[in-house]
Amino acid sequence: MDGLKADMDTYKFFVTGTIRLISLALYFALWLAILCCRLLR
């Protein structure tokens, strides 16, 4: 049972890490798009 709990903790850690990475990438892409729009004007 302990092994299963450890696997779940690892899974949760990877999921939260992936979500943070995706949100950071989206934020960066949005910032870059805004910057490009301002430069092209």
Protein backbone atom coordinates (compact mmCIF):
# COMPACT_ATOMS: atom_id res chain seq x y z
CA MET A 1 0.00 0.00 0.00
CA ASP A 2 2.88 2.37 0.76
CA GLY A 3 4.27 1.81 -2.73
CA LEU A 4 0.96 2.83 -4.27
CA LYS A 5 0.85 6.00 -2.17
CA ALA A 6 4.40 6.86 -3.25
CA ASP A 7 3.38 6.38 -6.90
CA MET A 8 0.39 8.67 -6.39
CA ASP A 9 2.60 11.34 -4.80
CA THR A 10 5.02 11.12 -7.73
CA TYR A 11 2.11 11.29 -10.18
CA LYS A 12 0.67 14.36 -8.43
CA PHE A 13 4.12 15.99 -8.44
CA PHE A 14 4.50 15.41 -12.19
CA VAL A 15 0.96 16.64 -12.91
CA THR A 16 1.41 19.88 -10.94
CA GLY A 17 4.82 20.41 -12.55
CA THR A 18 3.38 19.90 -16.03
CA ILE A 19 0.46 22.27 -15.33
CA ARG A 20 2.86 24.94 -14.07
CA LEU A 21 5.07 24.50 -17.14
CA ILE A 22 2.09 24.77 -19.52
CA SER A 23 0.68 27.84 -17.76
CA LEU A 24 4.12 29.48 -17.83
CA ALA A 25 4.47 28.72 -21.55
CA LEU A 26 0.98 30.13 -22.26
CA TYR A 27 1.77 33.27 -20.26
CA PHE A 28 5.04 33.71 -22.16
CA ALA A 29 3.32 33.17 -25.54
CA LEU A 30 0.64 35.74 -24.66
CA TRP A 31 3.29 38.27 -23.56
CA LEU A 32 5.24 37.65 -26.77
CA ALA A 33 2.10 38.11 -28.91
CA ILE A 34 1.31 41.43 -27.18
CA LEU A 35 4.91 42.57 -27.66
CA CYS A 36 4.83 41.66 -31.37
CA CYS A 37 1.52 43.51 -31.87
CA ARG A 38 2.96 46.63 -30.26
CA LEU A 39 6.14 46.47 -32.35
CA LEU A 40 4.24 45.98 -35.63
CA ARG A 41 1.97 48.97 -35.05
